[in-house]
Amino acid sequence: MNNITMALNADELILSALREDITSEDITTNSVMREYQLGEVELICKQDGVIAGLDVFKRTFELLDSKTEVTFTKKDGDTVKNGDKIGVVRGDIRVLLSGERTALNYLQRMSGIATYTRSITDLLKGSKTKLLDTRKTTPNMRVFEKYAVKVGGGYNHRYNLSDGILLKDNHIGAAGGVKEAVQMAKEYAPFVRKIEIEVENLDMLKEALDAGADIIMLDNMSVEDMKEAVKLVSGKAETECSGNVTKENVERLVDIGVDYISSGALTHSSPILDLSLKNLHAI
């Protein structure tokens, strides 16, 4: 995550998370550590996976004390093994103790998403299909979670509602139909914005093609219908399939020939990667 993104988007969120954890003071740390004492602690991996969020982990401690030094033996996107020492945090022991949980929460969550994403992108190797995330993210964690998807080898769908047009079932209902929804979107949106529409059957697909949609999302359709849909589209639009896609069922979608597969599970169902800060000592 680059410095500009960190300063403009991440710092405020990290500070909010720290304030959630330290409302007035860290009463436990302050009871056992009354004064400044320089110390260091090791960042240990307790599970195989893909690491993501090291800059966010580091920034958490820096926001508590800019003099804190954090060094790593790995970089985002690297694979890690159970038992690996992947970093050292050095600074005021009170900062190390008070920032520990928040820093680890970010790193474990982001690394878990990167690990799960990598496990699915590995299954898609050799195909033209790209793996996309969705907006099904944890509130106030989207910038971190979508970054983790990219680290894991996936691609970001729209970041928010201002990013692009995606006409879903309720938008179609509000507009009065597929044709009407696409036409309204074309009239309203800047010409540089692509228009994507969700369809649930082949009849809706044909309407979307006739209306000139740029991307067609095949939502919860059978494998047979999706294969037929790709034939009907025949390059006239990009295709995306969606609907309860997980690591366990993605392989059945590989040979369909869609351009994209989107999965909310990347951000709403990824387990964390187990990491820990150990061996704290004064120096």
Protein backbone atom coordinates (compact mmCIF):
# COMPACT_ATOMS: atom_id res chain seq x y z
CA MET A 1 0.00 0.00 0.00
CA ASN A 2 1.67 3.23 -1.11
CA ASN A 3 2.31 6.23 1.13
CA ILE A 4 -0.35 8.45 -0.49
CA THR A 5 -3.06 5.82 -0.08
CA MET A 6 -1.93 5.27 3.49
CA ALA A 7 -2.02 8.97 4.39
CA LEU A 8 -5.30 9.84 2.64
CA ASN A 9 -7.33 6.70 3.26
CA ALA A 10 -5.77 4.41 5.84
CA ASP A 11 -4.42 6.59 8.67
CA GLU A 12 -7.83 7.85 9.76
CA LEU A 13 -9.22 4.31 9.81
CA ILE A 14 -6.26 2.94 11.76
CA LEU A 15 -6.57 5.76 14.30
CA SER A 16 -10.27 4.99 14.67
CA ALA A 17 -9.44 1.35 15.35
CA LEU A 18 -6.85 2.36 17.94
CA ARG A 19 -9.33 4.70 19.64
CA GLU A 20 -11.85 1.86 19.74
CA ASP A 21 -9.31 -0.25 21.63
CA ILE A 22 -7.88 2.53 23.83
CA THR A 23 -10.75 4.78 24.86
CA SER A 24 -8.88 6.63 27.60
CA GLU A 25 -5.83 4.55 28.48
CA ASP A 26 -4.41 1.03 28.34
CA ILE A 27 -4.91 0.37 32.02
CA THR A 28 -3.16 -3.02 31.96
CA THR A 29 0.01 -1.77 30.28
CA ASN A 30 0.14 1.39 32.37
CA SER A 31 -0.14 -0.64 35.56
CA VAL A 32 2.98 -2.72 34.81
CA MET A 33 5.01 -0.21 32.77
CA ARG A 34 4.90 3.22 34.40
CA GLU A 35 7.78 4.80 32.46
CA TYR A 36 9.53 4.61 29.10
CA GLN A 37 11.53 1.47 28.45
CA LEU A 38 13.00 0.52 25.08
CA GLY A 39 12.11 -2.99 23.99
CA GLU A 40 11.48 -5.24 21.04
CA VAL A 41 9.14 -8.05 20.10
CA GLU A 42 9.15 -10.61 17.27
CA LEU A 43 6.42 -11.12 14.67
CA ILE A 44 5.92 -14.87 14.30
CA CYS A 45 3.85 -16.77 11.73
CA LYS A 46 1.90 -19.70 13.18
CA GLN A 47 0.32 -20.95 9.95
CA ASP A 48 1.29 -21.39 6.29
CA GLY A 49 -0.13 -18.73 3.99
CA VAL A 50 0.38 -15.47 2.08
CA ILE A 51 1.35 -12.34 4.00
CA ALA A 52 -0.45 -9.04 3.31
CA GLY A 53 -0.75 -5.79 5.23
CA LEU A 54 2.78 -5.32 6.54
CA ASP A 55 2.68 -1.56 5.91
CA VAL A 56 -0.61 -1.30 7.80
CA PHE A 57 0.83 -3.33 10.68
CA LYS A 58 3.85 -1.01 10.80
CA ARG A 59 1.76 2.14 10.51
CA THR A 60 -0.36 1.15 13.51
CA PHE A 61 2.66 1.38 15.80
CA GLU A 62 3.99 4.53 14.10
CA LEU A 63 0.72 6.35 14.75
CA LEU A 64 1.17 5.65 18.46
CA ASP A 65 4.83 6.71 18.38
CA SER A 66 6.67 7.83 15.23
CA LYS A 67 9.96 6.63 16.74
CA THR A 68 8.87 2.99 16.60
CA GLU A 69 11.05 0.91 14.28
CA VAL A 70 9.56 -2.04 12.40
CA THR A 71 11.63 -4.32 10.16
CA PHE A 72 10.49 -7.28 8.08
CA THR A 73 12.10 -10.31 6.47
CA LYS A 74 9.15 -10.71 4.08
CA LYS A 75 7.13 -8.46 1.78
CA ASP A 76 3.44 -8.44 0.90
CA GLY A 77 2.62 -11.33 -1.42
CA ASP A 78 5.33 -13.63 -0.08
CA THR A 79 4.42 -17.09 1.14
CA VAL A 80 5.10 -17.73 4.82
CA LYS A 81 5.43 -20.92 6.82
CA ASN A 82 4.46 -21.91 10.33
CA GLY A 83 7.29 -20.83 12.63
CA ASP A 84 8.74 -18.13 10.37
CA LYS A 85 9.98 -14.98 12.10
CA ILE A 86 8.85 -12.32 9.68
CA GLY A 87 9.55 -9.12 11.57
CA VAL A 88 10.73 -7.24 14.65
CA VAL A 89 9.07 -4.24 16.31
CA ARG A 90 11.35 -2.03 18.39
CA GLY A 91 10.32 0.93 20.54
CA ASP A 92 8.66 2.05 23.75
CA ILE A 93 7.36 -1.14 25.39
CA ARG A 94 4.11 0.66 26.24
CA VAL A 95 3.54 1.27 22.51
CA LEU A 96 4.37 -2.33 21.63
CA LEU A 97 1.84 -3.61 24.16
CA SER A 98 -0.93 -1.11 23.42
CA GLY A 99 -0.70 -1.41 19.63
CA GLU A 100 -0.27 -5.18 19.50
CA ARG A 101 -3.89 -6.28 19.10
CA THR A 102 -4.93 -3.66 16.56
CA ALA A 103 -1.82 -4.20 14.43
CA LEU A 104 -2.29 -7.97 14.46
CA ASN A 105 -6.01 -7.68 13.69
CA TYR A 106 -5.18 -5.87 10.45
CA LEU A 107 -2.34 -8.19 9.49
CA GLN A 108 -4.19 -11.41 10.28
CA ARG A 109 -7.33 -10.30 8.44
CA MET A 110 -5.51 -9.05 5.35
CA SER A 111 -3.19 -12.07 5.21
CA GLY A 112 -6.17 -14.40 5.53
CA ILE A 113 -7.85 -12.75 2.54
CA ALA A 114 -4.64 -12.88 0.49
CA THR A 115 -4.17 -16.55 1.37
CA TYR A 116 -7.73 -17.51 0.44
CA THR A 117 -7.59 -15.47 -2.77
CA ARG A 118 -4.32 -17.13 -3.79
CA SER A 119 -5.85 -20.57 -3.24
CA ILE A 120 -8.59 -19.74 -5.78
CA THR A 121 -6.40 -17.97 -8.34
CA ASP A 122 -4.17 -21.05 -8.34
CA LEU A 123 -7.20 -23.08 -9.45
CA LEU A 124 -7.83 -20.65 -12.33
CA LYS A 125 -4.29 -20.86 -13.72
CA GLY A 126 -4.22 -21.72 -17.40
CA SER A 127 -7.61 -20.14 -18.10
CA LYS A 128 -8.40 -16.62 -19.34
CA THR A 129 -10.76 -16.03 -16.42
CA LYS A 130 -9.86 -13.39 -13.82
CA LEU A 131 -11.02 -13.53 -10.21
CA LEU A 132 -12.84 -10.44 -8.89
CA ASP A 133 -13.85 -9.34 -5.42
CA THR A 134 -17.13 -7.58 -4.55
CA ARG A 135 -18.39 -4.83 -2.23
CA LYS A 136 -19.23 -7.44 0.41
CA THR A 137 -16.55 -6.10 2.71
CA THR A 138 -16.32 -5.34 6.42
CA PRO A 139 -17.47 -1.75 7.14
CA ASN A 140 -14.47 0.60 7.29
CA MET A 141 -12.15 -2.19 6.12
CA ARG A 142 -12.70 -2.01 2.35
CA VAL A 143 -9.44 -0.26 1.47
CA PHE A 144 -7.52 -2.93 3.38
CA GLU A 145 -9.53 -5.94 2.23
CA LYS A 146 -9.52 -5.03 -1.46
CA TYR A 147 -5.78 -4.40 -1.28
CA ALA A 148 -5.36 -7.89 0.21
CA VAL A 149 -7.31 -9.41 -2.69
CA LYS A 150 -4.83 -7.86 -5.13
CA VAL A 151 -1.89 -9.15 -3.08
CA GLY A 152 -3.41 -12.63 -3.33
CA GLY A 153 -3.57 -12.42 -7.13
CA GLY A 154 -7.19 -11.34 -7.57
CA TYR A 155 -8.59 -8.20 -9.17
CA ASN A 156 -10.78 -5.48 -7.74
CA HIS A 157 -14.33 -5.00 -8.99
CA ARG A 158 -15.68 -1.46 -8.43
CA TYR A 159 -14.48 0.04 -5.16
CA ASN A 160 -17.74 1.81 -4.35
CA LEU A 161 -21.02 2.98 -5.85
CA SER A 162 -19.33 5.93 -7.55
CA ASP A 163 -16.89 3.72 -9.45
CA GLY A 164 -19.16 2.24 -12.07
CA ILE A 165 -22.66 1.20 -13.05
CA LEU A 166 -23.87 -2.25 -12.07
CA LEU A 167 -27.58 -2.75 -12.69
CA LYS A 168 -28.86 -5.49 -10.40
CA ASP A 169 -32.31 -7.06 -10.07
CA ASN A 170 -33.79 -4.25 -7.97
CA HIS A 171 -32.43 -1.56 -10.30
CA ILE A 172 -33.99 -3.42 -13.23
CA GLY A 173 -37.27 -3.62 -11.35
CA ALA A 174 -37.17 0.08 -10.53
CA ALA A 175 -36.45 0.98 -14.16
CA GLY A 176 -39.17 -1.26 -15.57
CA GLY A 177 -37.02 -3.82 -17.36
CA VAL A 178 -33.59 -4.71 -18.74
CA LYS A 179 -33.83 -2.54 -21.86
CA GLU A 180 -35.11 0.45 -19.91
CA ALA A 181 -32.41 0.14 -17.22
CA VAL A 182 -29.56 0.02 -19.74
CA GLN A 183 -31.00 2.94 -21.71
CA MET A 184 -31.37 5.09 -18.59
CA ALA A 185 -27.81 4.27 -17.55
CA LYS A 186 -26.46 5.22 -20.97
CA GLU A 187 -28.27 8.54 -20.83
CA TYR A 188 -27.02 9.37 -17.34
CA ALA A 189 -23.49 7.99 -17.07
CA PRO A 190 -20.34 9.65 -18.42
CA PHE A 191 -19.35 8.03 -21.71
CA VAL A 192 -16.13 6.62 -20.20
CA ARG A 193 -18.09 4.47 -17.72
CA LYS A 194 -18.92 0.92 -18.68
CA ILE A 195 -22.41 -0.37 -17.99
CA GLU A 196 -22.75 -3.79 -16.38
CA ILE A 197 -26.05 -5.55 -15.87
CA GLU A 198 -27.00 -8.64 -13.91
CA VAL A 199 -29.11 -11.28 -15.69
CA GLU A 200 -30.66 -14.45 -14.31
CA ASN A 201 -31.66 -16.27 -17.49
CA LEU A 202 -31.02 -16.39 -21.23
CA ASP A 203 -34.00 -14.19 -22.12
CA MET A 204 -32.64 -11.39 -19.94
CA LEU A 205 -29.23 -11.95 -21.50
CA LYS A 206 -30.61 -11.42 -25.01
CA GLU A 207 -32.33 -8.20 -23.88
CA ALA A 208 -29.08 -6.96 -22.33
CA LEU A 209 -27.16 -7.65 -25.53
CA ASP A 210 -29.75 -5.88 -27.67
CA ALA A 211 -29.66 -2.91 -25.30
CA GLY A 212 -25.88 -2.62 -25.65
CA ALA A 213 -24.62 -3.48 -22.16
CA ASP A 214 -20.82 -3.54 -21.90
CA ILE A 215 -20.55 -6.28 -19.27
CA ILE A 216 -23.11 -8.97 -18.48
CA MET A 217 -23.12 -10.67 -15.10
CA LEU A 218 -24.53 -14.20 -15.18
CA ASP A 219 -26.01 -14.48 -11.71
CA ASN A 220 -26.75 -17.86 -10.13
CA MET A 221 -27.26 -19.52 -13.51
CA SER A 222 -26.59 -23.20 -14.16
CA VAL A 223 -23.30 -24.21 -15.75
CA GLU A 224 -25.17 -25.32 -18.87
CA ASP A 225 -26.97 -21.98 -19.21
CA MET A 226 -23.75 -20.04 -18.64
CA LYS A 227 -22.00 -21.99 -21.40
CA GLU A 228 -24.90 -21.18 -23.72
CA ALA A 229 -24.76 -17.54 -22.59
CA VAL A 230 -21.07 -17.26 -23.51
CA LYS A 231 -21.89 -18.60 -26.99
CA LEU A 232 -24.71 -16.09 -27.41
CA VAL A 233 -22.54 -13.19 -26.28
CA SER A 234 -19.75 -14.25 -28.65
CA GLY A 235 -17.50 -11.30 -27.80
CA LYS A 236 -20.20 -8.61 -28.05
CA ALA A 237 -19.79 -7.91 -24.32
CA GLU A 238 -17.60 -9.03 -21.45
CA THR A 239 -19.01 -11.75 -19.23
CA GLU A 240 -18.87 -12.29 -15.48
CA CYS A 241 -20.36 -15.13 -13.48
CA SER A 242 -21.38 -14.70 -9.88
CA GLY A 243 -23.32 -16.41 -7.13
CA ASN A 244 -21.94 -18.19 -4.06
CA VAL A 245 -18.52 -18.81 -5.60
CA THR A 246 -16.05 -20.42 -3.19
CA LYS A 247 -12.80 -22.36 -3.32
CA GLU A 248 -14.81 -25.56 -3.09
CA ASN A 249 -16.91 -24.99 -6.22
CA VAL A 250 -14.90 -22.65 -8.47
CA GLU A 251 -13.32 -25.41 -10.56
CA ARG A 252 -16.68 -26.22 -12.15
CA LEU A 253 -16.69 -22.69 -13.61
CA VAL A 254 -13.21 -22.71 -15.16
CA ASP A 255 -14.18 -24.18 -18.53
CA ILE A 256 -17.27 -22.02 -19.09
CA GLY A 257 -15.23 -19.33 -20.83
CA VAL A 258 -16.38 -16.23 -18.94
CA ASP A 259 -14.01 -13.29 -18.65
CA TYR A 260 -14.49 -12.87 -14.91
CA ILE A 261 -15.62 -14.77 -11.85
CA SER A 262 -16.63 -12.66 -8.85
CA SER A 263 -16.68 -13.98 -5.31
CA GLY A 264 -17.93 -12.25 -2.19
CA ALA A 265 -16.34 -15.06 -0.17
CA LEU A 266 -12.90 -13.52 -0.72
CA THR A 267 -13.71 -10.78 1.78
CA HIS A 268 -16.65 -12.06 3.81
CA SER A 269 -15.60 -15.67 4.45
CA SER A 270 -11.79 -15.82 4.44
CA PRO A 271 -10.36 -17.19 7.70
CA ILE A 272 -7.59 -15.18 9.31
CA LEU A 273 -3.93 -16.18 9.05
CA ASP A 274 -2.63 -16.94 12.53
CA LEU A 275 0.18 -14.55 13.51
CA SER A 276 1.53 -13.51 16.88
CA LEU A 277 3.89 -11.09 18.61
CA LYS A 278 6.21 -13.06 20.89
CA ASN A 279 9.35 -12.77 23.02
CA LEU A 280 8.88 -9.19 24.19
CA HIS A 281 11.93 -8.04 26.12
CA ALA A 282 13.66 -4.87 27.25
CA ILE A 283 16.86 -3.81 25.50
